N, C-alpha and C. Protein backbone atom coordinates (compact mmCIF):
# COMPACT_ATOMS: atom_id res chain seq x y z
N MET A 1 12.09 31.98 -4.96
CA MET A 1 11.96 30.62 -4.97
C MET A 1 12.58 29.83 -3.90
N THR A 2 11.42 28.60 -3.45
CA THR A 2 11.20 28.07 -2.36
C THR A 2 12.37 26.81 -2.78
N ARG A 3 13.45 26.78 -1.69
CA ARG A 3 14.40 25.63 -1.88
C ARG A 3 13.90 24.20 -2.36
N ALA A 4 14.26 23.88 -3.30
CA ALA A 4 13.76 22.41 -3.85
C ALA A 4 13.97 21.01 -2.31
N SER A 5 12.83 20.28 -2.31
CA SER A 5 12.96 19.56 -1.26
C SER A 5 12.69 18.18 -1.99
N LEU A 6 13.29 17.37 -1.05
CA LEU A 6 12.75 16.01 -1.61
C LEU A 6 11.67 15.25 -0.39
N VAL A 7 10.17 14.79 -0.86
CA VAL A 7 9.67 14.62 0.74
C VAL A 7 9.55 13.20 0.39
N TYR A 8 10.22 12.61 1.60
CA TYR A 8 10.45 11.15 1.55
C TYR A 8 9.51 10.51 2.35
N VAL A 9 8.94 9.69 1.56
CA VAL A 9 6.96 9.32 2.07
C VAL A 9 7.95 7.67 2.41
N MET A 10 7.38 7.25 3.47
CA MET A 10 8.07 6.17 4.29
C MET A 10 6.84 5.45 5.28
N GLY A 11 6.57 4.22 5.28
CA GLY A 11 5.53 3.34 6.19
C GLY A 11 5.69 2.30 5.98
N PRO A 12 4.97 1.35 6.91
CA PRO A 12 4.91 -0.13 6.47
C PRO A 12 4.30 -0.80 5.16
N SER A 13 4.65 -1.55 4.81
CA SER A 13 3.65 -2.24 3.96
C SER A 13 2.55 -2.61 3.83
N GLY A 14 1.27 -1.66 2.96
CA GLY A 14 0.07 -1.66 3.30
C GLY A 14 -0.68 -0.56 4.19
N ALA A 15 0.39 0.36 4.55
CA ALA A 15 -0.12 1.45 5.74
C ALA A 15 -0.99 2.19 4.28
N GLY A 16 -0.76 2.18 3.15
CA GLY A 16 -1.22 3.07 1.89
C GLY A 16 -0.79 4.21 1.30
N LYS A 17 0.42 3.92 1.60
CA LYS A 17 1.65 4.71 0.89
C LYS A 17 1.11 5.56 -0.75
N THR A 18 0.90 4.20 -1.46
CA THR A 18 0.53 4.60 -2.64
C THR A 18 -0.71 5.30 -2.59
N ARG A 19 -1.63 4.73 -2.29
CA ARG A 19 -2.75 5.10 -2.13
C ARG A 19 -2.59 7.18 -1.74
N VAL A 20 -2.27 7.43 -0.39
CA VAL A 20 -1.85 8.85 -0.52
C VAL A 20 -1.24 9.70 -1.10
N ILE A 21 0.25 9.00 -1.67
CA ILE A 21 0.69 9.51 -3.01
C ILE A 21 -0.03 9.74 -4.30
N GLU A 22 -0.44 8.69 -4.75
CA GLU A 22 -1.64 9.31 -5.97
C GLU A 22 -2.58 10.44 -5.76
N TYR A 23 -3.20 10.17 -4.44
CA TYR A 23 -4.20 11.36 -4.24
C TYR A 23 -3.47 12.54 -4.37
N ALA A 24 -2.63 12.63 -3.32
CA ALA A 24 -2.01 14.01 -3.83
C ALA A 24 -1.42 14.13 -5.14
N ARG A 25 -1.03 13.84 -6.05
CA ARG A 25 -0.38 13.67 -7.14
C ARG A 25 -1.89 14.00 -8.21
N ARG A 26 -3.09 13.37 -8.11
CA ARG A 26 -4.10 13.79 -8.74
C ARG A 26 -4.47 15.02 -8.26
N LYS A 27 -4.57 15.71 -7.07
CA LYS A 27 -4.81 17.11 -6.35
C LYS A 27 -3.92 17.85 -6.77
N ILE A 28 -2.80 18.10 -6.72
CA ILE A 28 -1.61 18.64 -7.36
C ILE A 28 -2.02 18.83 -8.91
N ASP A 29 -1.85 17.63 -9.49
CA ASP A 29 -1.90 17.87 -11.16
C ASP A 29 -0.98 19.24 -11.83
N GLY A 30 0.19 18.79 -11.62
CA GLY A 30 0.72 19.75 -12.51
C GLY A 30 0.84 21.46 -12.11
N GLY A 31 0.30 21.41 -10.90
CA GLY A 31 -0.33 22.95 -10.42
C GLY A 31 0.75 23.46 -9.48
N LEU A 32 1.70 22.90 -9.29
CA LEU A 32 2.81 22.97 -8.69
C LEU A 32 4.46 22.70 -9.08
N PRO A 33 4.88 23.02 -8.60
CA PRO A 33 6.69 22.85 -9.13
C PRO A 33 7.13 21.20 -8.75
N VAL A 34 6.65 20.30 -8.61
CA VAL A 34 6.41 19.08 -8.04
C VAL A 34 6.81 18.03 -9.32
N ALA A 35 7.31 16.85 -8.63
CA ALA A 35 7.82 15.64 -9.60
C ALA A 35 7.43 14.36 -8.55
N PHE A 36 6.82 13.48 -9.10
CA PHE A 36 6.86 12.48 -8.44
C PHE A 36 7.37 11.25 -9.27
N ALA A 37 8.63 10.72 -7.97
CA ALA A 37 9.60 9.81 -8.59
C ALA A 37 8.71 8.24 -8.81
N HIS A 38 8.86 7.54 -9.50
CA HIS A 38 8.96 5.94 -9.44
C HIS A 38 9.46 5.35 -9.43
N ARG A 39 9.28 3.91 -8.64
CA ARG A 39 10.29 3.02 -7.94
C ARG A 39 10.67 1.82 -9.26
N TYR A 40 11.66 1.70 -9.13
CA TYR A 40 12.33 0.40 -10.21
C TYR A 40 12.31 -0.76 -8.69
N ILE A 41 11.61 -1.85 -9.36
CA ILE A 41 11.55 -3.26 -8.49
C ILE A 41 11.64 -3.77 -9.04
N THR A 42 12.46 -5.37 -8.18
CA THR A 42 12.53 -6.55 -8.81
C THR A 42 11.33 -7.38 -8.59
N ARG A 43 10.16 -6.79 -8.44
CA ARG A 43 8.86 -7.38 -8.49
C ARG A 43 7.97 -8.12 -10.04
N PRO A 44 7.81 -8.66 -10.13
CA PRO A 44 6.95 -8.66 -11.72
C PRO A 44 5.69 -7.85 -11.61
N LEU A 45 4.95 -7.19 -12.72
CA LEU A 45 4.07 -6.51 -12.51
C LEU A 45 2.90 -7.49 -12.26
N GLY A 46 2.07 -6.92 -11.47
CA GLY A 46 0.82 -7.72 -11.02
C GLY A 46 -0.23 -6.88 -10.45
N LYS A 47 -0.96 -6.93 -9.48
CA LYS A 47 -2.18 -6.37 -9.08
C LYS A 47 -1.72 -5.14 -8.31
N ASP A 48 -0.96 -4.70 -8.40
CA ASP A 48 -0.49 -3.53 -7.54
C ASP A 48 -0.91 -2.34 -7.87
N GLU A 49 -1.74 -1.35 -6.82
CA GLU A 49 -1.82 0.13 -7.44
C GLU A 49 -0.52 0.88 -7.96
N GLU A 50 0.48 0.43 -7.40
CA GLU A 50 1.53 1.42 -7.34
C GLU A 50 2.31 1.20 -9.18
N ASN A 51 2.63 2.58 -9.55
CA ASN A 51 3.06 2.95 -10.92
C ASN A 51 4.73 2.47 -10.57
N TYR A 52 5.12 1.30 -10.81
CA TYR A 52 6.64 1.05 -10.93
C TYR A 52 6.91 0.44 -12.22
N ILE A 53 8.35 0.54 -12.37
CA ILE A 53 8.92 -0.13 -12.93
C ILE A 53 9.63 -1.56 -12.93
N ALA A 54 8.94 -2.49 -13.40
CA ALA A 54 9.59 -3.74 -12.65
C ALA A 54 11.02 -3.98 -14.11
N LEU A 55 12.06 -4.70 -12.62
CA LEU A 55 13.04 -4.92 -13.80
C LEU A 55 13.49 -6.44 -13.45
N SER A 56 13.95 -6.87 -13.75
CA SER A 56 14.86 -8.27 -13.43
C SER A 56 16.00 -8.01 -12.56
N LYS A 57 16.12 -9.28 -11.68
CA LYS A 57 17.55 -8.61 -10.82
C LYS A 57 18.70 -8.45 -11.66
N ARG A 58 18.78 -9.00 -12.89
CA ARG A 58 19.84 -8.68 -13.58
C ARG A 58 20.03 -7.01 -14.02
N GLU A 59 18.60 -6.94 -14.59
CA GLU A 59 18.62 -5.33 -15.03
C GLU A 59 18.59 -4.30 -14.16
N PHE A 60 18.67 -5.16 -12.55
CA PHE A 60 18.96 -3.92 -11.64
C PHE A 60 19.78 -3.85 -11.28
N ALA A 61 20.55 -4.89 -11.19
CA ALA A 61 21.94 -4.86 -10.76
C ALA A 61 22.73 -3.98 -11.93
N LEU A 62 22.51 -3.98 -13.24
CA LEU A 62 23.37 -3.22 -14.04
C LEU A 62 23.01 -1.64 -13.90
N ARG A 63 21.80 -1.45 -13.47
CA ARG A 63 21.77 -0.13 -13.53
C ARG A 63 22.34 0.28 -12.26
N LYS A 64 22.67 -0.20 -10.97
CA LYS A 64 23.13 0.07 -9.98
C LYS A 64 24.55 0.20 -10.48
N ALA A 65 25.22 -0.56 -10.95
CA ALA A 65 26.52 -0.92 -11.38
C ALA A 65 27.14 0.19 -12.09
N ARG A 66 26.21 0.92 -12.87
CA ARG A 66 26.48 2.29 -13.64
C ARG A 66 25.92 3.29 -13.09
N GLY A 67 25.34 3.53 -11.55
CA GLY A 67 25.31 5.00 -11.00
C GLY A 67 23.86 5.22 -11.59
N LEU A 68 22.95 4.31 -12.11
CA LEU A 68 21.85 5.07 -12.01
C LEU A 68 20.85 5.37 -11.12
N LEU A 69 21.15 4.52 -10.18
CA LEU A 69 20.15 4.89 -8.79
C LEU A 69 20.62 5.85 -7.82
N ALA A 70 19.67 6.68 -7.18
CA ALA A 70 20.43 7.59 -6.25
C ALA A 70 20.12 6.95 -4.71
N PHE A 71 19.16 5.87 -4.69
CA PHE A 71 18.62 5.03 -3.85
C PHE A 71 18.62 4.25 -4.00
N ASP A 72 18.58 3.00 -3.54
CA ASP A 72 18.41 1.18 -3.53
C ASP A 72 18.71 0.83 -1.71
N TRP A 73 17.67 0.01 -1.84
CA TRP A 73 17.48 -0.95 -0.76
C TRP A 73 16.82 -2.49 -1.24
N GLU A 74 17.01 -2.99 -0.23
CA GLU A 74 16.18 -5.05 -0.30
C GLU A 74 14.95 -4.82 0.62
N ALA A 75 14.22 -5.36 0.50
CA ALA A 75 13.41 -5.78 1.63
C ALA A 75 12.11 -6.39 1.10
N TYR A 76 11.98 -7.78 1.62
CA TYR A 76 11.72 -8.54 1.17
C TYR A 76 11.61 -9.64 0.10
N GLY A 77 13.18 -9.71 -0.19
CA GLY A 77 13.29 -10.67 -1.28
C GLY A 77 13.37 -9.40 -3.14
N PHE A 78 13.14 -8.59 -2.53
CA PHE A 78 13.26 -7.58 -3.69
C PHE A 78 14.06 -6.44 -3.07
N ASP A 79 14.44 -5.61 -4.91
CA ASP A 79 15.31 -4.77 -4.77
C ASP A 79 14.37 -3.57 -5.02
N TYR A 80 14.76 -2.95 -4.52
CA TYR A 80 13.77 -1.43 -4.67
C TYR A 80 15.02 -0.11 -5.16
N GLY A 81 14.52 0.59 -5.96
CA GLY A 81 15.61 1.53 -6.31
C GLY A 81 14.73 3.33 -6.72
N ILE A 82 15.46 4.09 -6.69
CA ILE A 82 14.88 5.31 -6.84
C ILE A 82 16.37 6.06 -7.79
N GLY A 83 15.45 6.19 -9.43
CA GLY A 83 16.47 6.70 -10.34
C GLY A 83 17.45 8.18 -9.98
N VAL A 84 18.14 8.47 -10.64
CA VAL A 84 18.96 9.50 -10.59
C VAL A 84 18.71 10.60 -10.87
N GLU A 85 17.82 10.66 -11.78
CA GLU A 85 17.03 11.68 -12.30
C GLU A 85 16.20 12.53 -11.06
N ILE A 86 15.92 11.69 -10.20
CA ILE A 86 15.34 12.97 -9.10
C ILE A 86 16.40 13.76 -8.70
N LYS A 87 17.89 13.79 -9.27
CA LYS A 87 18.62 14.82 -8.61
C LYS A 87 18.62 15.70 -9.64
N SER A 88 18.27 15.66 -11.04
CA SER A 88 18.19 16.57 -11.62
C SER A 88 16.80 17.31 -11.84
N TRP A 89 15.66 16.53 -11.14
CA TRP A 89 14.46 17.53 -10.88
C TRP A 89 14.77 18.52 -9.82
N LEU A 90 15.33 17.82 -8.64
CA LEU A 90 15.98 18.75 -7.80
C LEU A 90 16.82 20.21 -8.15
N ALA A 91 17.80 19.70 -8.73
CA ALA A 91 18.03 20.97 -9.64
C ALA A 91 17.78 21.97 -10.11
N ALA A 92 16.26 21.39 -10.51
CA ALA A 92 15.73 22.42 -11.56
C ALA A 92 14.87 23.15 -10.72
N GLY A 93 14.82 22.64 -9.40
CA GLY A 93 13.81 23.73 -8.45
C GLY A 93 12.46 23.14 -8.31
N LEU A 94 12.47 21.86 -8.51
CA LEU A 94 11.24 20.89 -8.19
C LEU A 94 11.03 20.74 -6.70
N THR A 95 10.06 20.17 -6.08
CA THR A 95 9.89 19.28 -5.20
C THR A 95 9.80 18.16 -5.95
N VAL A 96 10.77 16.90 -4.89
CA VAL A 96 10.48 15.94 -5.71
C VAL A 96 9.80 14.88 -4.42
N VAL A 97 9.16 14.01 -4.66
CA VAL A 97 8.11 13.21 -3.86
C VAL A 97 8.75 11.86 -3.99
N MET A 98 8.78 11.07 -3.47
CA MET A 98 9.20 9.70 -3.45
C MET A 98 8.50 8.65 -2.15
N ASP A 99 8.57 7.44 -2.61
CA ASP A 99 8.36 6.66 -1.84
C ASP A 99 9.26 5.64 -1.39
N GLY A 100 10.13 5.83 0.11
CA GLY A 100 11.26 5.44 0.42
C GLY A 100 11.33 3.93 0.96
N SER A 101 12.09 3.68 1.84
CA SER A 101 12.21 2.72 2.87
C SER A 101 12.42 3.23 4.02
N ARG A 102 12.06 3.16 5.22
CA ARG A 102 12.10 2.91 6.61
C ARG A 102 14.15 3.06 6.95
N ALA A 103 14.01 1.90 6.80
CA ALA A 103 15.14 1.17 7.23
C ALA A 103 16.35 2.36 6.37
N HIS A 104 16.26 2.33 5.00
CA HIS A 104 17.09 3.41 4.73
C HIS A 104 17.56 4.83 5.26
N PHE A 105 15.70 5.20 5.39
CA PHE A 105 15.56 6.48 6.02
C PHE A 105 16.63 6.49 7.39
N ILE A 106 16.45 5.67 7.85
CA ILE A 106 16.92 5.35 9.52
C ILE A 106 18.61 5.23 9.23
N ALA A 107 19.00 4.62 8.50
CA ALA A 107 20.39 4.29 8.21
C ALA A 107 21.39 5.48 7.72
N GLY A 108 20.25 6.65 7.57
CA GLY A 108 21.07 7.83 7.27
C GLY A 108 22.06 7.81 5.89
N LYS A 109 21.31 7.18 4.55
CA LYS A 109 22.07 7.12 3.66
C LYS A 109 21.32 8.05 2.27
N LEU A 110 21.02 8.81 3.07
CA LEU A 110 20.22 9.69 1.69
C LEU A 110 20.94 10.60 1.10
N GLY A 111 21.76 11.79 1.63
CA GLY A 111 23.16 12.32 0.85
C GLY A 111 22.23 13.35 -0.17
N ILE A 112 21.19 13.90 0.36
CA ILE A 112 20.60 15.01 -0.41
C ILE A 112 19.83 15.99 1.10
N GLY A 113 20.16 17.12 0.64
CA GLY A 113 20.12 18.56 1.54
C GLY A 113 19.14 18.38 2.27
N ASN A 114 17.99 18.81 1.59
CA ASN A 114 16.10 19.04 2.11
C ASN A 114 15.35 17.75 1.99
N VAL A 115 15.44 17.29 2.98
CA VAL A 115 14.47 15.91 3.39
C VAL A 115 13.49 16.40 4.39
N VAL A 116 12.62 16.14 3.35
CA VAL A 116 11.22 16.31 4.50
C VAL A 116 10.68 14.85 4.96
N PRO A 117 10.56 13.75 5.89
CA PRO A 117 10.43 12.85 6.11
C PRO A 117 8.71 12.84 6.46
N VAL A 118 7.89 11.85 5.50
CA VAL A 118 6.83 11.62 6.01
C VAL A 118 6.79 10.07 6.45
N LEU A 119 5.99 9.61 7.73
CA LEU A 119 5.51 8.41 7.92
C LEU A 119 4.38 8.68 7.96
N VAL A 120 3.56 7.22 6.86
CA VAL A 120 2.01 7.12 6.68
C VAL A 120 2.02 5.80 7.34
N THR A 121 0.95 5.91 8.28
CA THR A 121 0.89 4.79 9.36
C THR A 121 -0.81 4.33 9.68
N VAL A 122 -0.56 3.19 9.52
CA VAL A 122 -2.16 2.89 10.17
C VAL A 122 -2.08 1.61 11.17
N GLY A 123 -3.30 1.64 11.86
CA GLY A 123 -3.51 0.54 13.01
C GLY A 123 -2.61 -0.93 12.53
N ARG A 124 -2.24 -1.76 13.75
CA ARG A 124 -1.71 -3.15 13.35
C ARG A 124 -3.38 -3.82 12.53
N ASP A 125 -4.22 -3.73 13.26
CA ASP A 125 -5.55 -4.57 12.22
C ASP A 125 -5.97 -4.30 11.21
N GLU A 126 -5.93 -2.87 11.13
CA GLU A 126 -6.08 -2.37 9.76
C GLU A 126 -4.96 -2.92 8.82
N LEU A 127 -3.91 -2.98 8.64
CA LEU A 127 -2.41 -3.29 8.48
C LEU A 127 -2.75 -4.69 7.42
N ARG A 128 -3.04 -5.59 8.85
CA ARG A 128 -3.63 -6.82 8.48
C ARG A 128 -4.51 -7.51 7.23
N ARG A 129 -5.36 -6.43 7.55
CA ARG A 129 -6.98 -6.30 6.34
C ARG A 129 -6.60 -6.13 5.14
N ARG A 130 -5.13 -4.82 5.70
CA ARG A 130 -5.30 -4.54 3.96
C ARG A 130 -4.33 -5.57 3.07
N LEU A 131 -3.03 -5.57 4.28
CA LEU A 131 -2.11 -6.89 3.53
C LEU A 131 -2.70 -8.40 2.69
N THR A 132 -4.17 -8.59 3.64
CA THR A 132 -4.31 -9.74 3.41
C THR A 132 -5.55 -9.52 1.68
N THR A 133 -6.28 -8.43 2.06
CA THR A 133 -7.16 -8.15 0.65
C THR A 133 -6.55 -8.07 -0.51
N ARG A 134 -5.44 -7.38 -0.33
CA ARG A 134 -4.40 -7.38 -1.69
C ARG A 134 -3.83 -8.61 -2.46
N GLU A 135 -4.02 -9.82 -1.86
CA GLU A 135 -3.93 -10.97 -2.42
C GLU A 135 -2.49 -10.52 -2.97
N ARG A 136 -1.41 -10.16 -2.43
CA ARG A 136 0.05 -10.42 -3.11
C ARG A 136 0.91 -11.49 -2.69
N GLU A 137 0.72 -11.64 -0.98
CA GLU A 137 1.82 -12.27 -0.35
C GLU A 137 0.97 -13.77 0.60
N ASP A 138 1.27 -14.86 0.60
CA ASP A 138 0.76 -16.03 1.42
C ASP A 138 0.51 -15.29 2.87
N VAL A 139 0.04 -16.48 3.74
CA VAL A 139 0.09 -15.71 5.10
C VAL A 139 1.57 -15.84 5.79
N LYS A 140 2.08 -16.39 5.65
CA LYS A 140 3.48 -16.06 6.23
C LYS A 140 4.32 -14.90 5.68
N ALA A 141 4.25 -14.31 4.86
CA ALA A 141 4.42 -13.55 4.04
C ALA A 141 4.04 -12.43 4.82
N ILE A 142 2.55 -12.18 4.77
CA ILE A 142 2.02 -11.58 5.32
C ILE A 142 2.65 -10.97 7.10
N GLU A 143 2.41 -12.04 8.08
CA GLU A 143 3.11 -12.01 8.99
C GLU A 143 4.32 -11.43 8.83
N ASP A 144 5.33 -11.91 7.80
CA ASP A 144 6.61 -11.45 8.07
C ASP A 144 6.51 -9.62 8.03
N ARG A 145 5.81 -9.09 7.05
CA ARG A 145 5.56 -7.83 6.80
C ARG A 145 5.17 -6.88 7.87
N LEU A 146 4.08 -7.96 8.77
CA LEU A 146 3.57 -7.42 9.98
C LEU A 146 4.70 -7.44 11.03
N GLN A 147 5.49 -8.18 11.14
CA GLN A 147 6.59 -8.20 12.18
C GLN A 147 7.28 -6.94 11.97
N ARG A 148 7.78 -6.82 10.41
CA ARG A 148 8.80 -5.74 9.84
C ARG A 148 8.00 -4.57 10.41
N ALA A 149 6.63 -4.23 10.14
CA ALA A 149 5.97 -3.19 10.08
C ALA A 149 6.58 -2.60 11.93
N GLY A 150 6.30 -3.11 12.78
CA GLY A 150 6.95 -2.73 14.10
C GLY A 150 7.93 -2.18 14.22
N LYS A 151 9.23 -2.46 13.66
CA LYS A 151 10.49 -2.83 13.61
C LYS A 151 11.47 -1.73 13.27
N PHE A 152 10.73 -0.94 12.48
CA PHE A 152 11.16 0.35 12.28
C PHE A 152 10.26 1.63 12.43
N THR A 153 10.73 2.41 13.39
CA THR A 153 10.25 4.17 13.66
C THR A 153 11.23 4.82 13.67
N PRO A 154 11.25 5.44 12.51
CA PRO A 154 12.40 6.73 12.45
C PRO A 154 12.12 7.64 13.57
N ALA A 155 13.21 8.06 14.19
CA ALA A 155 13.09 8.80 15.56
C ALA A 155 13.52 10.18 14.70
N ASP A 156 13.44 11.14 13.76
CA ASP A 156 13.40 12.36 13.09
C ASP A 156 12.71 13.28 13.89
N LEU A 157 13.47 14.67 14.04
CA LEU A 157 12.62 15.85 14.65
C LEU A 157 11.73 16.34 14.01
N SER A 158 12.40 15.99 12.49
CA SER A 158 11.58 16.77 11.25
C SER A 158 10.15 15.83 10.61
N LEU A 159 10.13 14.98 11.21
CA LEU A 159 9.02 13.48 10.86
C LEU A 159 7.63 14.09 11.41
N VAL A 160 6.90 14.28 9.99
CA VAL A 160 5.34 14.10 10.04
C VAL A 160 5.01 12.48 9.94
N THR A 161 3.90 12.43 10.40
CA THR A 161 3.23 11.52 10.66
C THR A 161 1.77 11.81 10.26
N ILE A 162 1.45 10.77 9.31
CA ILE A 162 -0.08 10.71 8.56
C ILE A 162 -0.57 9.34 9.36
N ASP A 163 -2.00 9.74 9.53
CA ASP A 163 -2.73 8.42 9.70
C ASP A 163 -3.64 8.06 8.79
N ASN A 164 -3.49 7.17 8.29
CA ASN A 164 -3.88 6.72 6.87
C ASN A 164 -5.57 5.73 7.50
N ALA A 165 -5.50 5.90 8.57
CA ALA A 165 -6.75 4.87 8.85
C ALA A 165 -8.50 5.17 8.21
N GLY A 166 -8.43 6.17 8.24
CA GLY A 166 -9.46 6.85 7.78
C GLY A 166 -9.89 7.21 6.15
N PRO A 167 -10.62 8.05 5.94
CA PRO A 167 -11.08 8.25 4.58
C PRO A 167 -9.68 8.72 3.53
N ILE A 168 -9.50 8.58 2.69
CA ILE A 168 -8.26 8.70 1.74
C ILE A 168 -8.74 10.20 1.44
N GLU A 169 -9.38 10.97 1.46
CA GLU A 169 -9.35 12.21 1.16
C GLU A 169 -8.78 12.97 2.68
N ARG A 170 -8.79 12.66 3.74
CA ARG A 170 -8.14 12.92 4.89
C ARG A 170 -6.81 12.61 4.72
N ALA A 171 -6.29 12.10 4.60
CA ALA A 171 -4.76 11.36 4.46
C ALA A 171 -4.25 12.16 3.38
N GLY A 172 -5.32 12.00 2.16
CA GLY A 172 -4.44 12.90 1.03
C GLY A 172 -4.70 14.10 1.27
N ASP A 173 -5.38 14.80 1.52
CA ASP A 173 -5.29 16.29 1.76
C ASP A 173 -4.21 16.92 2.79
N ALA A 174 -4.13 15.86 3.68
CA ALA A 174 -2.72 16.35 4.43
C ALA A 174 -1.55 16.06 3.99
N PHE A 175 -1.41 15.28 3.29
CA PHE A 175 -0.08 14.70 2.66
C PHE A 175 0.22 15.81 1.55
N ALA A 176 -1.13 16.49 0.91
CA ALA A 176 -0.76 17.36 -0.60
C ALA A 176 -0.57 18.66 -0.02
N ALA A 177 -0.92 18.78 1.38
CA ALA A 177 -0.77 20.30 1.74
C ALA A 177 1.05 20.26 2.27
N ILE A 178 1.32 19.35 2.68
CA ILE A 178 2.96 19.09 2.92
C ILE A 178 3.57 19.27 2.00
N ILE A 179 3.10 18.70 0.44
CA ILE A 179 3.63 18.89 -0.54
C ILE A 179 3.98 20.40 -1.08
N ALA A 180 2.64 20.94 -0.81
CA ALA A 180 2.15 22.29 -1.18
C ALA A 180 2.89 23.40 -0.58
N ALA A 181 3.28 22.97 0.91
CA ALA A 181 4.06 23.97 1.57
C ALA A 181 5.54 23.86 1.39
N GLN A 182 6.08 22.96 0.94
CA GLN A 182 7.27 22.37 0.09
C GLN A 182 7.59 23.34 -1.07
N ALA A 183 6.68 22.77 -1.86
CA ALA A 183 6.86 23.85 -3.33
C ALA A 183 6.52 25.13 -3.39
N GLY A 184 5.89 25.44 -2.63
CA GLY A 184 5.46 26.82 -2.38
C GLY A 184 4.25 27.42 -2.54
N GLY A 185 3.57 26.51 -2.97
CA GLY A 185 2.27 26.71 -2.84
C GLY A 185 1.33 26.69 -1.47
N ARG A 186 0.51 27.40 -1.18
CA ARG A 186 -0.37 27.57 -0.45
C ARG A 186 -1.47 27.50 -0.30
């Protein structure tokens, strides 16, 4: 059996992490020992493509206080978390895929052994276009996200970078291959 891995996906907001993850999820479709983690976010559900659990600030704080989050971080005025269930999934031999924070990764707060860091990128002009198109933030918030995009670049020798500027099939297939290699499928 291949050693269970945590595939830690990160990148600037708007780079298309959700689309890349969902593409790989559909392609793998239970054919490999892989579990895709959802995030808990203190942002109301909206037009997002991401399949996340929306929590109030108080609900999030309660879960955090009771030790129900394996990871948590704050960005853009929202709290983000990944549930402790991922530790059970890893213990069961599953490769776990999660959408994380670059800043959290850089800070080295993971505490999990076999981590495969994957950075999803896209050029600044395309990033601006995507952030504007999704109609989630105002102009100032988009500028804040663009500024933050350039601040955090993980410097890890095992970092794999996926350019998501082209067709989703190219980035999605590359990401699915990374997951398959970790999960023992070729």
